[in-house]
Every structure is written in C-alpha cells, then in structure tokens.
Amino acid sequence: MNAALQGHAAYKAADPGTTHEAWGAEDHSSLGSFDAEPTMVADRSFEVPQNAGAASHDLLIAPFGGVGTIRHVTNTTGGPANTST
C-alpha cells in the first residue's frame, strides 16, 4: 500500500503491468467493512496501472454497510461513493 493513500483498494493490479483489463468487477467489501466506524475513508476501490494498456469497464461499488466513503472508483477517477451519493 502507498503510505500517502488512505485505506486499501479492494482490487489491485500489479504496478509494473503493461496491460490490464477488467470487465464487470465489483467491490462489495470496502464500504461494508466500515460498519464500526462511519468516518472511515478509502481513497480508491480499484487500483490499476496508469498506462495506455490498462482499461476498466462497468465497475460497481456496492455499499452494503451504508457508512464510510470511497473517494474514487479507480485510482483518482470517478466521484465519491458514500451514503449521500
């Protein structure tokens, strides 16, 4: 984990990868794990290499716990997921 980031990505592809593609990936754990502490924040749900060979399609974050915040869907892309969005 990058020490500058908050939390852990539920899905992480290796940084040195030159190609990566995810289709229909779902994160059911990130927000659900914040039941005990609603102020918990994770910077991202999915973390993939940032290069021309990486792509993600139709990702889903399912907030089972209904508390906490994910700032971005993938890396620094996508808006927050929390109970107010």
PDB file of N, CA and C in Angstrom:
ATOM      1  N   MET A   1       0.836  -1.192   0.000  1.00  0.00           N
ATOM      2  CA  MET A   1       0.000   0.000   0.000  1.00  0.00           C
ATOM      3  C   MET A   1       0.873   1.243   0.000  1.00  0.00           C
ATOM      4  N   ASN A   2       0.473   2.246  -0.722  1.00  0.00           N
ATOM      5  CA  ASN A   2       1.133   3.538  -0.749  1.00  0.00           C
ATOM      6  C   ASN A   2       0.806   4.254   0.553  1.00  0.00           C
ATOM      7  N   ALA A   3       1.819   4.655   1.299  1.00  0.00           N
ATOM      8  CA  ALA A   3       1.602   5.273   2.603  1.00  0.00           C
ATOM      9  C   ALA A   3       0.843   6.592   2.516  1.00  0.00           C
ATOM     10  N   ALA A   4       0.853   7.240   1.344  1.00  0.00           N
ATOM     11  CA  ALA A   4       0.149   8.508   1.177  1.00  0.00           C
ATOM     12  C   ALA A   4      -1.355   8.308   0.979  1.00  0.00           C
ATOM     13  N   LEU A   5      -1.782   7.074   0.707  1.00  0.00           N
ATOM     14  CA  LEU A   5      -3.197   6.794   0.466  1.00  0.00           C
ATOM     15  C   LEU A   5      -3.888   6.334   1.741  1.00  0.00           C
ATOM     16  N   GLN A   6      -5.198   6.594   1.809  1.00  0.00           N
ATOM     17  CA  GLN A   6      -5.984   6.096   2.931  1.00  0.00           C
ATOM     18  C   GLN A   6      -6.638   4.792   2.524  1.00  0.00           C
ATOM     19  N   GLY A   7      -6.582   3.791   3.384  1.00  0.00           N
ATOM     20  CA  GLY A   7      -7.237   2.520   3.146  1.00  0.00           C
ATOM     21  C   GLY A   7      -6.530   1.676   2.099  1.00  0.00           C
ATOM     22  N   HIS A   8      -7.165   0.560   1.755  1.00  0.00           N
ATOM     23  CA  HIS A   8      -6.638  -0.373   0.765  1.00  0.00           C
ATOM     24  C   HIS A   8      -7.647  -0.521  -0.359  1.00  0.00           C
ATOM     25  N   ALA A   9      -7.161  -0.648  -1.573  1.00  0.00           N
ATOM     26  CA  ALA A   9      -8.051  -0.941  -2.698  1.00  0.00           C
ATOM     27  C   ALA A   9      -8.567  -2.369  -2.541  1.00  0.00           C
ATOM     28  N   ALA A  10      -9.834  -2.589  -2.850  1.00  0.00           N
ATOM     29  CA  ALA A  10     -10.395  -3.940  -2.794  1.00  0.00           C
ATOM     30  C   ALA A  10      -9.831  -4.790  -3.922  1.00  0.00           C
ATOM     31  N   TYR A  11      -9.454  -4.159  -5.027  1.00  0.00           N
ATOM     32  CA  TYR A  11      -8.907  -4.837  -6.202  1.00  0.00           C
ATOM     33  C   TYR A  11      -7.669  -4.082  -6.623  1.00  0.00           C
ATOM     34  N   LYS A  12      -6.527  -4.772  -6.697  1.00  0.00           N
ATOM     35  CA  LYS A  12      -5.284  -4.109  -7.101  1.00  0.00           C
ATOM     36  C   LYS A  12      -4.556  -4.957  -8.116  1.00  0.00           C
ATOM     37  N   ALA A  13      -4.254  -4.354  -9.257  1.00  0.00           N
ATOM     38  CA  ALA A  13      -3.422  -4.996 -10.270  1.00  0.00           C
ATOM     39  C   ALA A  13      -1.983  -4.543 -10.040  1.00  0.00           C
ATOM     40  N   ALA A  14      -1.037  -5.394 -10.354  1.00  0.00           N
ATOM     41  CA  ALA A  14       0.377  -5.099 -10.116  1.00  0.00           C
ATOM     42  C   ALA A  14       0.823  -3.827 -10.843  1.00  0.00           C
ATOM     43  N   ASP A  15       1.571  -2.995 -10.161  1.00  0.00           N
ATOM     44  CA  ASP A  15       2.042  -1.728 -10.724  1.00  0.00           C
ATOM     45  C   ASP A  15       2.877  -1.871 -11.997  1.00  0.00           C
ATOM     46  N   PRO A  16       3.784  -2.854 -12.074  1.00  0.00           N
ATOM     47  CA  PRO A  16       4.625  -2.910 -13.279  1.00  0.00           C
ATOM     48  C   PRO A  16       3.918  -3.484 -14.514  1.00  0.00           C
ATOM     49  N   GLY A  17       2.664  -3.850 -14.384  1.00  0.00           N
ATOM     50  CA  GLY A  17       1.939  -4.421 -15.521  1.00  0.00           C
ATOM     51  C   GLY A  17       1.859  -3.456 -16.692  1.00  0.00           C
ATOM     52  N   THR A  18       2.025  -3.976 -17.910  1.00  0.00           N
ATOM     53  CA  THR A  18       1.934  -3.127 -19.099  1.00  0.00           C
ATOM     54  C   THR A  18       0.548  -3.199 -19.728  1.00  0.00           C
ATOM     55  N   THR A  19      -0.203  -4.264 -19.422  1.00  0.00           N
ATOM     56  CA  THR A  19      -1.584  -4.366 -19.894  1.00  0.00           C
ATOM     57  C   THR A  19      -2.452  -4.898 -18.760  1.00  0.00           C
ATOM     58  N   HIS A  20      -3.673  -4.440 -18.735  1.00  0.00           N
ATOM     59  CA  HIS A  20      -4.639  -4.918 -17.740  1.00  0.00           C
ATOM     60  C   HIS A  20      -6.022  -4.522 -18.225  1.00  0.00           C
ATOM     61  N   GLU A  21      -6.983  -5.433 -18.104  1.00  0.00           N
ATOM     62  CA  GLU A  21      -8.351  -5.094 -18.465  1.00  0.00           C
ATOM     63  C   GLU A  21      -9.292  -5.777 -17.490  1.00  0.00           C
ATOM     64  N   ALA A  22     -10.212  -5.009 -16.932  1.00  0.00           N
ATOM     65  CA  ALA A  22     -11.216  -5.547 -16.007  1.00  0.00           C
ATOM     66  C   ALA A  22     -12.599  -5.252 -16.570  1.00  0.00           C
ATOM     67  N   TRP A  23     -13.469  -6.263 -16.565  1.00  0.00           N
ATOM     68  CA  TRP A  23     -14.843  -6.125 -17.044  1.00  0.00           C
ATOM     69  C   TRP A  23     -15.786  -6.551 -15.922  1.00  0.00           C
ATOM     70  N   GLY A  24     -16.727  -5.697 -15.571  1.00  0.00           N
ATOM     71  CA  GLY A  24     -17.763  -6.061 -14.612  1.00  0.00           C
ATOM     72  C   GLY A  24     -17.246  -6.392 -13.220  1.00  0.00           C
ATOM     73  N   ALA A  25     -16.174  -5.775 -12.802  1.00  0.00           N
ATOM     74  CA  ALA A  25     -15.631  -6.033 -11.465  1.00  0.00           C
ATOM     75  C   ALA A  25     -16.488  -5.334 -10.412  1.00  0.00           C
ATOM     76  N   GLU A  26     -16.638  -5.990  -9.253  1.00  0.00           N
ATOM     77  CA  GLU A  26     -17.458  -5.441  -8.176  1.00  0.00           C
ATOM     78  C   GLU A  26     -16.681  -5.416  -6.874  1.00  0.00           C
ATOM     79  N   ASP A  27     -16.894  -4.392  -6.094  1.00  0.00           N
ATOM     80  CA  ASP A  27     -16.332  -4.288  -4.752  1.00  0.00           C
ATOM     81  C   ASP A  27     -17.495  -4.283  -3.775  1.00  0.00           C
ATOM     82  N   HIS A  28     -17.646  -5.365  -3.037  1.00  0.00           N
ATOM     83  CA  HIS A  28     -18.701  -5.461  -2.029  1.00  0.00           C
ATOM     84  C   HIS A  28     -18.138  -5.315  -0.622  1.00  0.00           C
ATOM     85  N   SER A  29     -16.855  -5.079  -0.503  1.00  0.00           N
ATOM     86  CA  SER A  29     -16.255  -5.103   0.826  1.00  0.00           C
ATOM     87  C   SER A  29     -15.890  -3.743   1.394  1.00  0.00           C
ATOM     88  N   SER A  30     -15.513  -2.803   0.560  1.00  0.00           N
ATOM     89  CA  SER A  30     -14.938  -1.561   1.079  1.00  0.00           C
ATOM     90  C   SER A  30     -15.861  -0.801   2.018  1.00  0.00           C
ATOM     91  N   LEU A  31     -17.039  -0.427   1.553  1.00  0.00           N
ATOM     92  CA  LEU A  31     -17.927   0.332   2.429  1.00  0.00           C
ATOM     93  C   LEU A  31     -18.518  -0.548   3.516  1.00  0.00           C
ATOM     94  N   GLY A  32     -18.749  -1.811   3.230  1.00  0.00           N
ATOM     95  CA  GLY A  32     -19.313  -2.722   4.218  1.00  0.00           C
ATOM     96  C   GLY A  32     -18.408  -2.921   5.410  1.00  0.00           C
ATOM     97  N   SER A  33     -17.088  -2.791   5.220  1.00  0.00           N
ATOM     98  CA  SER A  33     -16.162  -3.007   6.324  1.00  0.00           C
ATOM     99  C   SER A  33     -16.096  -1.809   7.263  1.00  0.00           C
ATOM    100  N   PHE A  34     -16.805  -0.725   6.945  1.00  0.00           N
ATOM    101  CA  PHE A  34     -16.755   0.470   7.774  1.00  0.00           C
ATOM    102  C   PHE A  34     -17.905   0.530   8.781  1.00  0.00           C
ATOM    103  N   ASP A  35     -18.617  -0.583   8.981  1.00  0.00           N
ATOM    104  CA  ASP A  35     -19.758  -0.583   9.892  1.00  0.00           C
ATOM    105  C   ASP A  35     -19.423  -0.033  11.268  1.00  0.00           C
ATOM    106  N   ALA A  36     -18.265  -0.390  11.779  1.00  0.00           N
ATOM    107  CA  ALA A  36     -17.904   0.017  13.135  1.00  0.00           C
ATOM    108  C   ALA A  36     -17.482   1.482  13.214  1.00  0.00           C
ATOM    109  N   GLU A  37     -17.084   2.073  12.102  1.00  0.00           N
ATOM    110  CA  GLU A  37     -16.570   3.445  12.103  1.00  0.00           C
ATOM    111  C   GLU A  37     -17.033   4.182  10.861  1.00  0.00           C
ATOM    112  N   PRO A  38     -18.153   4.905  10.940  1.00  0.00           N
ATOM    113  CA  PRO A  38     -18.706   5.570   9.765  1.00  0.00           C
ATOM    114  C   PRO A  38     -17.841   6.686   9.180  1.00  0.00           C
ATOM    115  N   THR A  39     -16.822   7.137   9.897  1.00  0.00           N
ATOM    116  CA  THR A  39     -15.970   8.195   9.365  1.00  0.00           C
ATOM    117  C   THR A  39     -14.787   7.640   8.567  1.00  0.00           C
ATOM    118  N   MET A  40     -14.698   6.320   8.401  1.00  0.00           N
ATOM    119  CA  MET A  40     -13.604   5.708   7.643  1.00  0.00           C
ATOM    120  C   MET A  40     -13.652   6.162   6.192  1.00  0.00           C
ATOM    121  N   VAL A  41     -12.461   6.353   5.606  1.00  0.00           N
ATOM    122  CA  VAL A  41     -12.335   6.795   4.217  1.00  0.00           C
ATOM    123  C   VAL A  41     -11.276   5.938   3.527  1.00  0.00           C
ATOM    124  N   ALA A  42     -11.570   5.513   2.312  1.00  0.00           N
ATOM    125  CA  ALA A  42     -10.578   4.849   1.461  1.00  0.00           C
ATOM    126  C   ALA A  42     -10.450   5.692   0.196  1.00  0.00           C
ATOM    127  N   ASP A  43      -9.237   5.865  -0.279  1.00  0.00           N
ATOM    128  CA  ASP A  43      -9.014   6.708  -1.455  1.00  0.00           C
ATOM    129  C   ASP A  43      -9.545   6.108  -2.748  1.00  0.00           C
ATOM    130  N   ARG A  44      -9.547   4.777  -2.859  1.00  0.00           N
ATOM    131  CA  ARG A  44      -9.998   4.147  -4.095  1.00  0.00           C
ATOM    132  C   ARG A  44     -10.462   2.731  -3.831  1.00  0.00           C
ATOM    133  N   SER A  45     -11.337   2.263  -4.690  1.00  0.00           N
ATOM    134  CA  SER A  45     -11.830   0.898  -4.578  1.00  0.00           C
ATOM    135  C   SER A  45     -11.040  -0.039  -5.480  1.00  0.00           C
ATOM    136  N   PHE A  46     -10.645   0.453  -6.659  1.00  0.00           N
ATOM    137  CA  PHE A  46      -9.878  -0.333  -7.621  1.00  0.00           C
ATOM    138  C   PHE A  46      -8.589   0.411  -7.932  1.00  0.00           C
ATOM    139  N   GLU A  47      -7.468  -0.310  -7.975  1.00  0.00           N
ATOM    140  CA  GLU A  47      -6.183   0.314  -8.285  1.00  0.00           C
ATOM    141  C   GLU A  47      -5.525  -0.486  -9.411  1.00  0.00           C
ATOM    142  N   VAL A  48      -5.319   0.180 -10.539  1.00  0.00           N
ATOM    143  CA  VAL A  48      -4.735  -0.472 -11.716  1.00  0.00           C
ATOM    144  C   VAL A  48      -3.593   0.393 -12.251  1.00  0.00           C
ATOM    145  N   PRO A  49      -2.685  -0.206 -13.049  1.00  0.00           N
ATOM    146  CA  PRO A  49      -1.586   0.586 -13.611  1.00  0.00           C
ATOM    147  C   PRO A  49      -2.126   1.764 -14.425  1.00  0.00           C
ATOM    148  N   GLN A  50      -1.438   2.877 -14.350  1.00  0.00           N
ATOM    149  CA  GLN A  50      -1.858   4.056 -15.112  1.00  0.00           C
ATOM    150  C   GLN A  50      -1.005   4.149 -16.370  1.00  0.00           C
ATOM    151  N   ASN A  51      -1.440   3.405 -17.388  1.00  0.00           N
ATOM    152  CA  ASN A  51      -0.750   3.446 -18.673  1.00  0.00           C
ATOM    153  C   ASN A  51      -1.753   3.135 -19.777  1.00  0.00           C
ATOM    154  N   ALA A  52      -1.327   3.298 -21.010  1.00  0.00           N
ATOM    155  CA  ALA A  52      -2.227   3.136 -22.155  1.00  0.00           C
ATOM    156  C   ALA A  52      -2.762   1.713 -22.297  1.00  0.00           C
ATOM    157  N   GLY A  53      -2.100   0.718 -21.708  1.00  0.00           N
ATOM    158  CA  GLY A  53      -2.539  -0.664 -21.826  1.00  0.00           C
ATOM    159  C   GLY A  53      -3.512  -1.111 -20.757  1.00  0.00           C
ATOM    160  N   ALA A  54      -3.945  -0.205 -19.899  1.00  0.00           N
ATOM    161  CA  ALA A  54      -4.858  -0.563 -18.809  1.00  0.00           C
ATOM    162  C   ALA A  54      -6.243   0.027 -19.057  1.00  0.00           C
ATOM    163  N   ALA A  55      -7.277  -0.792 -18.864  1.00  0.00           N
ATOM    164  CA  ALA A  55      -8.653  -0.329 -19.049  1.00  0.00           C
ATOM    165  C   ALA A  55      -9.576  -1.043 -18.072  1.00  0.00           C
ATOM    166  N   SER A  56     -10.618  -0.343 -17.640  1.00  0.00           N
ATOM    167  CA  SER A  56     -11.628  -0.919 -16.756  1.00  0.00           C
ATOM    168  C   SER A  56     -13.001  -0.546 -17.297  1.00  0.00           C
ATOM    169  N   HIS A  57     -13.928  -1.503 -17.224  1.00  0.00           N
ATOM    170  CA  HIS A  57     -15.263  -1.292 -17.775  1.00  0.00           C
ATOM    171  C   HIS A  57     -16.313  -1.779 -16.779  1.00  0.00           C
ATOM    172  N   ASP A  58     -17.382  -1.028 -16.615  1.00  0.00           N
ATOM    173  CA  ASP A  58     -18.554  -1.454 -15.836  1.00  0.00           C
ATOM    174  C   ASP A  58     -18.205  -1.900 -14.422  1.00  0.00           C
ATOM    175  N   LEU A  59     -17.522  -1.044 -13.682  1.00  0.00           N
ATOM    176  CA  LEU A  59     -17.168  -1.353 -12.295  1.00  0.00           C
ATOM    177  C   LEU A  59     -18.314  -0.975 -11.369  1.00  0.00           C
ATOM    178  N   LEU A  60     -18.414  -1.678 -10.240  1.00  0.00           N
ATOM    179  CA  LEU A  60     -19.501  -1.445  -9.295  1.00  0.00           C
ATOM    180  C   LEU A  60     -18.963  -1.440  -7.878  1.00  0.00           C
ATOM    181  N   ILE A  61     -19.407  -0.461  -7.105  1.00  0.00           N
ATOM    182  CA  ILE A  61     -19.134  -0.442  -5.672  1.00  0.00           C
ATOM    183  C   ILE A  61     -20.483  -0.582  -4.983  1.00  0.00           C
ATOM    184  N   ALA A  62     -20.655  -1.629  -4.191  1.00  0.00           N
ATOM    185  CA  ALA A  62     -21.923  -1.880  -3.501  1.00  0.00           C
ATOM    186  C   ALA A  62     -21.756  -1.570  -2.013  1.00  0.00           C
ATOM    187  N   PRO A  63     -22.367  -0.491  -1.538  1.00  0.00           N
ATOM    188  CA  PRO A  63     -22.197  -0.060  -0.146  1.00  0.00           C
ATOM    189  C   PRO A  63     -23.087  -0.845   0.828  1.00  0.00           C
ATOM    190  N   PHE A  64     -22.713  -2.099   1.100  1.00  0.00           N
ATOM    191  CA  PHE A  64     -23.519  -2.921   1.996  1.00  0.00           C
ATOM    192  C   PHE A  64     -23.660  -2.332   3.392  1.00  0.00           C
ATOM    193  N   GLY A  65     -22.608  -1.724   3.897  1.00  0.00           N
ATOM    194  CA  GLY A  65     -22.659  -1.194   5.250  1.00  0.00           C
ATOM    195  C   GLY A  65     -23.401   0.131   5.356  1.00  0.00           C
ATOM    196  N   GLY A  66     -23.437   0.879   4.266  1.00  0.00           N
ATOM    197  CA  GLY A  66     -24.135   2.159   4.262  1.00  0.00           C
ATOM    198  C   GLY A  66     -23.414   3.267   4.997  1.00  0.00           C
ATOM    199  N   VAL A  67     -22.159   3.056   5.350  1.00  0.00           N
ATOM    200  CA  VAL A  67     -21.382   4.083   6.042  1.00  0.00           C
ATOM    201  C   VAL A  67     -19.990   4.147   5.437  1.00  0.00           C
ATOM    202  N   GLY A  68     -19.237   5.198   5.728  1.00  0.00           N
ATOM    203  CA  GLY A  68     -17.899   5.352   5.190  1.00  0.00           C
ATOM    204  C   GLY A  68     -17.930   5.952   3.790  1.00  0.00           C
ATOM    205  N   THR A  69     -16.746   6.220   3.253  1.00  0.00           N
ATOM    206  CA  THR A  69     -16.634   6.862   1.941  1.00  0.00           C
ATOM    207  C   THR A  69     -15.488   6.250   1.147  1.00  0.00           C
ATOM    208  N   ILE A  70     -15.728   6.029  -0.132  1.00  0.00           N
ATOM    209  CA  ILE A  70     -14.683   5.703  -1.097  1.00  0.00           C
ATOM    210  C   ILE A  70     -14.541   6.956  -1.952  1.00  0.00           C
ATOM    211  N   ARG A  71     -13.360   7.556  -1.985  1.00  0.00           N
ATOM    212  CA  ARG A  71     -13.182   8.824  -2.712  1.00  0.00           C
ATOM    213  C   ARG A  71     -13.247   8.677  -4.230  1.00  0.00           C
ATOM    214  N   HIS A  72     -12.675   7.593  -4.756  1.00  0.00           N
ATOM    215  CA  HIS A  72     -12.629   7.394  -6.205  1.00  0.00           C
ATOM    216  C   HIS A  72     -12.913   5.933  -6.519  1.00  0.00           C
ATOM    217  N   VAL A  73     -13.494   5.695  -7.679  1.00  0.00           N
ATOM    218  CA  VAL A  73     -13.751   4.320  -8.101  1.00  0.00           C
ATOM    219  C   VAL A  73     -12.426   3.650  -8.468  1.00  0.00           C
ATOM    220  N   THR A  74     -11.703   4.216  -9.429  1.00  0.00           N
ATOM    221  CA  THR A  74     -10.431   3.650  -9.880  1.00  0.00           C
ATOM    222  C   THR A  74      -9.345   4.710  -9.829  1.00  0.00           C
ATOM    223  N   ASN A  75      -8.249   4.396  -9.152  1.00  0.00           N
ATOM    224  CA  ASN A  75      -7.131   5.325  -8.997  1.00  0.00           C
ATOM    225  C   ASN A  75      -7.675   6.683  -8.543  1.00  0.00           C
ATOM    226  N   THR A  76      -7.553   7.719  -9.354  1.00  0.00           N
ATOM    227  CA  THR A  76      -8.083   9.031  -8.999  1.00  0.00           C
ATOM    228  C   THR A  76      -9.253   9.415  -9.897  1.00  0.00           C
ATOM    229  N   THR A  77      -9.899   8.422 -10.507  1.00  0.00           N
ATOM    230  CA  THR A  77     -11.015   8.652 -11.434  1.00  0.00           C
ATOM    231  C   THR A  77     -12.329   8.228 -10.795  1.00  0.00           C
ATOM    232  N   GLY A  78     -13.374   8.983 -11.074  1.00  0.00           N
ATOM    233  CA  GLY A  78     -14.694   8.657 -10.537  1.00  0.00           C
ATOM    234  C   GLY A  78     -14.938   9.373  -9.227  1.00  0.00           C
ATOM    235  N   GLY A  79     -16.174   9.777  -9.043  1.00  0.00           N
ATOM    236  CA  GLY A  79     -16.530  10.522  -7.845  1.00  0.00           C
ATOM    237  C   GLY A  79     -16.684   9.643  -6.633  1.00  0.00           C
ATOM    238  N   PRO A  80     -17.001  10.248  -5.496  1.00  0.00           N
ATOM    239  CA  PRO A  80     -17.099   9.504  -4.240  1.00  0.00           C
ATOM    240  C   PRO A  80     -18.324   8.581  -4.188  1.00  0.00           C
ATOM    241  N   ALA A  81     -18.167   7.543  -3.401  1.00  0.00           N
ATOM    242  CA  ALA A  81     -19.279   6.629  -3.097  1.00  0.00           C
ATOM    243  C   ALA A  81     -19.470   6.661  -1.592  1.00  0.00           C
ATOM    244  N   ASN A  82     -20.636   7.135  -1.184  1.00  0.00           N
ATOM    245  CA  ASN A  82     -20.980   7.133   0.231  1.00  0.00           C
ATOM    246  C   ASN A  82     -22.493   7.207   0.348  1.00  0.00           C
ATOM    247  N   THR A  83     -23.015   7.345   1.534  1.00  0.00           N
ATOM    248  CA  THR A  83     -24.459   7.322   1.720  1.00  0.00           C
ATOM    249  C   THR A  83     -25.167   8.532   1.139  1.00  0.00           C
ATOM    250  N   SER A  84     -24.409   9.596   0.814  1.00  0.00           N
ATOM    251  CA  SER A  84     -25.060  10.794   0.275  1.00  0.00           C
ATOM    252  C   SER A  84     -24.991  10.865  -1.252  1.00  0.00           C
ATOM    253  N   THR A  85     -24.362   9.861  -1.899  1.00  0.00           N
ATOM    254  CA  THR A  85     -24.271   9.886  -3.372  1.00  0.00           C
ATOM    255  C   THR A  85     -25.029   8.742  -3.979  1.00  0.00           C
TER     256      THR A  85
END
